[in-house]
Protein backbone atom coordinates (compact mmCIF):
# COMPACT_ATOMS: atom_id res chain seq x y z
CA MET A 1 -104.54 3.33 83.43
CA ARG A 2 -103.73 0.07 81.53
CA ALA A 3 -102.80 0.51 77.97
CA LEU A 4 -102.10 -1.33 74.54
CA VAL A 5 -99.06 0.50 73.56
CA LEU A 6 -96.55 0.23 71.02
CA GLY A 7 -93.58 -1.92 72.20
CA ALA A 8 -90.14 -2.79 70.69
CA ASP A 9 -91.56 -6.16 68.74
CA GLY A 10 -95.57 -4.88 68.79
CA PRO A 11 -98.21 -4.17 70.83
CA VAL A 12 -98.43 -4.77 74.19
CA LEU A 13 -100.54 -4.33 77.39
CA ALA A 14 -98.56 -1.31 79.93
CA ARG A 15 -99.24 0.95 82.32
CA ALA A 16 -99.16 4.64 81.66
CA PRO A 17 -100.92 7.55 83.51
CA VAL A 18 -104.10 8.88 83.09
CA PRO A 19 -104.51 11.38 80.10
CA ARG A 20 -105.65 14.97 80.87
CA PRO A 21 -107.98 17.02 78.63
CA GLY A 22 -106.77 19.83 77.48
CA PRO A 23 -109.02 23.16 76.99
CA ALA A 24 -111.19 21.71 74.43
CA GLU A 25 -110.93 18.29 75.00
CA VAL A 26 -112.88 15.63 76.72
CA ARG A 27 -111.73 12.95 78.70
CA LEU A 28 -114.14 9.44 78.74
CA ARG A 29 -113.84 6.35 80.79
CA VAL A 30 -113.41 3.98 77.95
CA GLN A 31 -115.81 1.02 78.24
CA ALA A 32 -115.45 -0.71 74.81
CA CYS A 33 -113.21 0.46 72.04
CA ALA A 34 -113.46 -1.03 67.63
CA LEU A 35 -110.46 -2.09 65.59
CA ASN A 36 -109.92 0.02 62.29
CA ARG A 37 -107.71 -1.07 58.97
CA ALA A 38 -105.29 2.26 60.82
CA ASP A 39 -104.81 0.10 63.95
CA LEU A 40 -102.58 -2.29 62.51
CA TYR A 41 -100.55 0.27 60.51
CA MET A 42 -99.85 1.81 63.86
CA ALA A 43 -99.26 -1.73 65.33
CA GLU A 44 -97.09 -2.51 62.97
CA GLY A 45 -95.12 0.85 64.03
CA ARG A 46 -96.00 2.58 60.60
CA ARG A 47 -96.32 6.05 60.73
CA HIS A 48 -100.45 7.02 59.99
CA GLY A 49 -100.77 10.64 60.54
CA ASP A 50 -99.43 11.72 64.07
CA ALA A 51 -99.65 8.51 65.50
CA GLY A 52 -96.32 8.12 67.39
CA GLY A 53 -93.73 5.95 67.74
CA PRO A 54 -92.83 2.96 70.37
CA GLY A 55 -94.66 3.78 73.69
CA ALA A 56 -97.70 5.52 71.92
CA ILE A 57 -100.93 4.43 73.00
CA LEU A 58 -103.08 2.40 70.13
CA GLY A 59 -106.86 2.44 68.95
CA LEU A 60 -108.86 5.46 67.39
CA GLU A 61 -112.42 4.40 67.94
CA TRP A 62 -114.24 3.99 71.27
CA ALA A 63 -117.95 4.43 74.01
CA GLY A 64 -117.81 4.88 76.96
CA VAL A 65 -118.55 7.51 79.65
CA VAL A 66 -117.22 11.51 80.69
CA ASP A 67 -115.31 11.56 82.82
CA ALA A 68 -113.39 15.24 82.45
CA VAL A 69 -114.28 17.81 80.51
CA GLY A 70 -112.01 21.35 79.72
CA ALA A 71 -113.14 25.46 79.69
CA GLU A 72 -113.82 25.26 75.93
CA VAL A 73 -115.75 22.42 75.69
CA PRO A 74 -119.45 23.15 74.67
CA GLY A 75 -122.13 22.37 77.65
CA HIS A 76 -123.66 20.07 75.31
CA VAL A 77 -120.88 17.45 76.57
CA ARG A 78 -121.50 16.92 80.32
CA VAL A 79 -119.66 14.49 82.91
CA GLY A 80 -121.73 11.25 83.58
CA GLN A 81 -122.90 11.45 79.70
CA ARG A 82 -122.78 8.47 77.19
CA VAL A 83 -121.22 9.09 74.52
CA MET A 84 -119.22 7.18 71.56
CA GLY A 85 -116.46 9.00 69.34
CA SER A 86 -112.88 8.82 67.66
CA GLY A 87 -109.29 10.07 68.81
CA ARG A 88 -105.77 8.96 69.50
CA GLY A 89 -105.10 6.49 72.22
CA ALA A 90 -108.27 4.84 72.45
CA PHE A 91 -106.92 1.16 74.11
CA ALA A 92 -107.03 2.32 76.92
CA ASP A 93 -109.17 2.80 80.43
CA TYR A 94 -108.99 6.55 79.78
CA ALA A 95 -108.69 8.25 76.56
CA VAL A 96 -109.12 11.74 75.38
CA ALA A 97 -110.41 13.99 72.16
CA ASP A 98 -111.38 17.02 70.80
CA TRP A 99 -115.25 17.46 71.78
CA GLY A 100 -115.99 17.47 68.12
CA ARG A 101 -115.16 13.75 67.86
CA VAL A 102 -117.66 13.08 70.56
CA LEU A 103 -120.87 11.85 69.67
CA PRO A 104 -124.47 11.23 72.13
CA MET A 105 -124.40 7.32 72.65
CA PRO A 106 -128.59 6.60 71.97
CA ASP A 107 -130.42 4.98 74.66
CA GLY A 108 -130.79 1.66 74.71
CA LEU A 109 -127.18 1.00 72.58
CA GLU A 110 -124.67 -1.28 74.58
CA PRO A 111 -121.20 0.13 74.55
CA ALA A 112 -119.82 -2.77 72.97
CA GLN A 113 -122.81 -1.63 69.52
CA ALA A 114 -121.45 1.98 70.31
CA ALA A 115 -117.85 2.00 69.66
CA THR A 116 -118.79 0.10 66.42
CA LEU A 117 -120.11 3.63 64.69
CA PRO A 118 -118.34 6.95 64.64
CA ILE A 119 -115.69 6.53 62.15
CA ALA A 120 -118.19 4.77 59.89
CA LEU A 121 -120.56 7.20 60.65
CA GLN A 122 -118.10 10.04 59.83
CA THR A 123 -116.50 8.45 56.71
CA MET A 124 -119.28 7.17 54.76
CA HIS A 125 -121.08 10.77 55.60
CA ASP A 126 -118.39 12.32 54.38
CA ALA A 127 -117.91 10.51 51.34
CA LEU A 128 -121.58 9.92 50.09
CA VAL A 129 -123.26 13.22 50.80
CA THR A 130 -120.66 15.56 51.29
CA HIS A 131 -118.49 14.61 48.58
CA GLY A 132 -120.52 12.66 46.47
CA GLY A 133 -123.81 14.14 46.43
CA LEU A 134 -126.04 11.09 46.76
CA ARG A 135 -129.14 11.58 46.23
CA ALA A 136 -132.30 9.40 46.46
CA GLY A 137 -132.70 6.86 43.38
CA ALA A 138 -128.98 7.22 42.59
CA SER A 139 -127.50 4.14 41.74
CA LEU A 140 -124.33 3.69 44.43
CA LEU A 141 -121.62 0.82 43.97
CA ILE A 142 -119.30 0.25 47.21
CA HIS A 143 -116.48 -1.26 46.67
CA GLY A 144 -114.81 -3.25 49.66
CA ALA A 145 -117.93 -3.57 51.10
CA SER A 146 -117.90 -6.18 53.71
CA SER A 147 -115.56 -3.66 55.48
CA ALA A 148 -117.14 -1.49 58.48
CA VAL A 149 -117.37 0.94 56.29
CA GLY A 150 -118.89 -0.83 53.42
CA LEU A 151 -121.61 -2.10 55.55
CA MET A 152 -122.21 1.59 56.78
CA ALA A 153 -122.69 3.24 53.68
CA LEU A 154 -124.80 0.40 52.75
CA ARG A 155 -126.61 1.60 55.35
CA ILE A 156 -126.85 4.95 54.88
CA ALA A 157 -127.30 4.73 51.45
CA ARG A 158 -131.04 2.80 52.26
CA CYS A 159 -131.90 5.40 54.80
CA LEU A 160 -131.34 8.01 52.07
CA LYS A 161 -133.19 6.13 49.50
CA ALA A 162 -130.66 5.55 46.85
CA GLY A 163 -132.01 3.15 43.82
CA TRP A 164 -129.76 0.56 43.05
CA VAL A 165 -127.04 -0.60 45.49
CA GLY A 166 -124.24 -3.38 44.33
CA GLY A 167 -120.83 -4.11 46.03
CA SER A 168 -117.72 -5.69 45.63
CA SER A 169 -115.73 -8.09 47.55
CA THR A 170 -112.95 -11.21 46.73
CA ASN A 171 -114.15 -13.05 49.02
CA ALA A 172 -117.39 -15.90 48.31
CA GLU A 173 -118.78 -15.85 51.65
CA LYS A 174 -118.56 -12.29 52.45
CA ARG A 175 -120.73 -11.94 48.72
CA GLN A 176 -123.33 -14.06 50.27
CA ARG A 177 -123.39 -12.37 53.15
CA LEU A 178 -123.97 -9.43 51.64
CA ALA A 179 -126.44 -9.92 49.36
CA GLY A 180 -128.59 -11.49 52.83
CA LEU A 181 -128.30 -7.91 53.70
CA GLY A 182 -129.82 -6.40 50.63
CA MET A 183 -127.15 -5.44 48.26
CA ASP A 184 -128.89 -5.87 45.01
CA LEU A 185 -125.53 -7.52 43.26
CA VAL A 186 -121.98 -8.48 44.50
CA VAL A 187 -119.47 -8.95 42.26
CA ASP A 188 -115.92 -10.63 42.96
CA PRO A 189 -113.30 -7.40 42.17
CA SER A 190 -110.53 -9.97 41.01
CA VAL A 191 -111.94 -11.75 38.53
CA SER A 192 -111.62 -9.94 35.01
CA GLY A 193 -115.11 -8.49 33.57
CA TRP A 194 -117.13 -7.30 36.22
CA SER A 195 -117.86 -4.68 35.44
CA GLY A 196 -119.83 -6.11 32.80
CA GLN A 197 -122.09 -7.31 35.75
CA VAL A 198 -122.65 -4.16 36.73
CA LEU A 199 -123.65 -2.20 33.13
CA ASP A 200 -125.99 -5.02 32.93
CA ALA A 201 -128.18 -4.60 36.34
CA THR A 202 -127.76 -1.23 35.07
CA ALA A 203 -129.26 -0.93 32.31
CA GLY A 204 -126.09 -0.42 30.76
CA ARG A 205 -125.55 3.07 32.51
CA GLY A 206 -123.55 1.58 35.53
CA ALA A 207 -123.32 3.56 38.92
CA ASP A 208 -123.86 7.12 39.40
CA LEU A 209 -121.50 6.90 42.50
CA VAL A 210 -119.05 4.63 43.16
CA VAL A 211 -117.32 4.57 46.76
CA ASP A 212 -114.04 2.95 46.52
CA MET A 213 -112.40 1.23 49.65
CA LEU A 214 -109.78 -1.04 47.05
CA SER A 215 -108.29 1.65 44.45
CA GLY A 216 -104.59 0.29 43.25
CA PRO A 217 -105.26 -2.57 39.73
CA SER A 218 -109.05 -2.38 39.57
CA ILE A 219 -109.20 1.33 38.98
CA ASN A 220 -109.90 1.25 35.11
CA GLU A 221 -113.01 -1.10 35.55
CA THR A 222 -114.11 0.55 37.94
CA LEU A 223 -114.34 3.99 35.69
CA ALA A 224 -116.17 1.40 32.77
CA ALA A 225 -118.44 0.49 35.34
CA THR A 226 -118.68 4.19 36.50
CA ALA A 227 -121.85 5.84 34.90
CA ILE A 228 -120.90 9.10 31.85
CA GLU A 229 -120.88 11.93 34.70
CA GLY A 230 -120.46 9.92 37.68
CA HIS A 231 -118.87 10.21 40.50
CA ILE A 232 -115.89 7.78 42.21
CA VAL A 233 -115.02 8.76 45.50
CA ASN A 234 -111.23 6.83 46.77
CA VAL A 235 -111.96 6.32 50.32
CA GLY A 236 -109.74 3.45 50.65
CA ARG A 237 -106.17 1.77 48.83
CA LEU A 238 -106.94 -1.85 50.12
CA ALA A 239 -106.29 -3.36 46.66
CA GLY A 240 -103.39 -1.13 46.57
CA ARG A 241 -101.89 2.86 46.68
CA ALA A 242 -100.43 2.70 42.28
CA GLY A 243 -102.24 1.30 39.49
CA SER A 244 -102.16 2.39 36.01
CA PHE A 245 -104.81 5.05 35.13
CA ASP A 246 -106.96 4.77 31.76
CA PHE A 247 -106.70 8.44 31.40
CA ASP A 248 -108.66 7.84 27.81
CA LEU A 249 -111.82 6.17 29.74
CA HIS A 250 -111.14 8.70 32.08
CA ALA A 251 -112.40 11.95 30.09
CA LEU A 252 -114.17 8.65 27.77
CA ARG A 253 -116.81 8.56 31.01
CA ARG A 254 -116.19 12.61 32.06
CA VAL A 255 -116.07 10.54 35.79
CA ARG A 256 -115.34 12.95 38.58
CA TYR A 257 -112.62 11.55 40.81
CA SER A 258 -112.39 12.82 44.61
CA GLY A 259 -109.85 11.49 47.34
CA VAL A 260 -110.96 11.74 50.68
CA THR A 261 -108.82 11.21 53.82
CA PHE A 262 -108.89 12.07 57.75
CA ARG A 263 -105.37 12.42 57.81
CA THR A 264 -105.06 15.60 56.37
CA ARG A 265 -108.51 17.29 58.46
CA THR A 266 -107.70 20.21 60.44
CA ARG A 267 -109.57 19.82 63.67
CA GLU A 268 -112.32 22.78 63.10
CA GLU A 269 -112.76 20.57 59.52
CA VAL A 270 -113.49 17.01 61.73
CA ARG A 271 -116.33 19.44 64.13
CA ARG A 272 -118.17 20.21 60.89
CA ILE A 273 -118.21 16.64 59.42
CA THR A 274 -119.44 15.37 63.09
CA ALA A 275 -122.04 18.39 62.95
CA SER A 276 -123.12 17.19 59.45
CA MET A 277 -123.34 13.62 59.98
CA LEU A 278 -125.56 14.18 62.68
CA ARG A 279 -127.56 16.80 61.06
CA ASP A 280 -128.70 13.97 58.80
CA LEU A 281 -128.29 10.92 60.46
CA SER A 282 -129.29 11.10 64.13
CA GLY A 283 -132.95 10.34 63.33
CA PRO A 284 -132.01 6.92 62.18
CA LEU A 285 -128.70 6.17 64.66
CA LYS A 286 -131.51 7.15 67.09
CA ASP A 287 -133.75 4.15 65.64
CA GLY A 288 -131.09 1.82 65.47
CA LYS A 289 -131.12 1.88 61.67
CA LEU A 290 -127.37 2.70 61.38
CA SER A 291 -126.32 -0.78 63.40
CA LEU A 292 -123.27 -2.85 62.33
CA PRO A 293 -122.61 -6.13 63.08
CA VAL A 294 -119.79 -7.18 65.61
CA ASP A 295 -117.18 -10.31 64.55
CA ARG A 296 -115.89 -10.73 67.48
CA GLU A 297 -115.02 -9.79 71.23
CA PHE A 298 -111.73 -9.45 72.40
CA THR A 299 -110.64 -7.76 76.26
CA LEU A 300 -107.85 -5.21 75.98
CA GLU A 301 -105.09 -7.79 77.85
CA GLN A 302 -106.32 -9.37 74.36
CA GLY A 303 -105.62 -6.54 72.18
CA ALA A 304 -102.02 -7.97 70.65
CA GLN A 305 -104.64 -11.06 69.77
CA ALA A 306 -107.51 -8.98 68.37
CA LEU A 307 -104.82 -7.27 66.09
CA ALA A 308 -103.43 -10.56 64.50
CA TYR A 309 -107.16 -11.61 64.00
CA MET A 310 -108.25 -8.34 61.50
CA CYS A 311 -104.83 -8.94 59.90
CA ALA A 312 -105.95 -11.92 58.79
CA ASN A 313 -108.64 -10.06 57.25
CA GLY A 314 -111.42 -13.58 57.98
CA HIS A 315 -113.86 -10.87 59.65
CA PHE A 316 -116.97 -9.28 58.87
CA GLY A 317 -117.96 -5.81 60.46
CA LYS A 318 -116.54 -4.95 63.51
CA ILE A 319 -114.44 -6.52 65.76
CA ILE A 320 -114.46 -5.37 69.89
CA LEU A 321 -112.05 -4.68 72.64
CA ARG A 322 -113.99 -5.01 75.96
CA VAL A 323 -112.36 -2.43 78.49
CA ALA A 324 -114.64 -2.66 81.59
């Protein structure tokens, strides 16, 4: 089969054996894949969980048709079923994944659109609902709102009837597009004092919940923009993995600060995350209320070009690889 692998000088298209599913795994014939920020780390040869080294097949997110199932896979996953999901080795003609990462593809949804959804759905439901405790009427600030997971946070928040929803982006054009999608306020986190805009927009209270894809040097102003006894969920570190932390401000605001990642999740934990997300969001998912914009499509042969395009960081929404 064809596969985009990590070569000596970066990602290259190569031939690889068709993978065999384990007892609890599903193999699918891939039709489309979506790029994620973690793919850049892998393409640069940096380890990300169990990503492996040279020769490893890249990619984490896909949509396609079930081709084979292991003996321990539950009966709701069937050969011939249209599915979407996540797992290592996505950028190839065939991929395997634990059955707990496999989601049914909604009727009428094209594979290229379906491939945009699994990771954003799992990540944001876990951050917003499981860890953030988002409730109807609560205010929410989404740092890094123009990312795919940020856009999904907005979609989920509206489905769950959150109140005021604000976001951030350092790009003026992206801030305008976010406002057009119904975000109540969009701030530039690179400009000092942006927390004042959030406080003004929330009658001095601040956001009840912050989903933070930035971290780094913005953390103290994020604390200032969070409501007293509010909650920050650290999802990503696009602005940096380290920064000065004002412990006194943290104490004054009495903010809960949680960190989440899938890199240290067990297989059983991921299964529970997926099941919980489907329990809460299967209705909006089937109704098309959780769609994400596709910025640009490439072929599998253009995989290296697609990764370079993502690295330039000019996209809005998801970048797709067409496989079949």
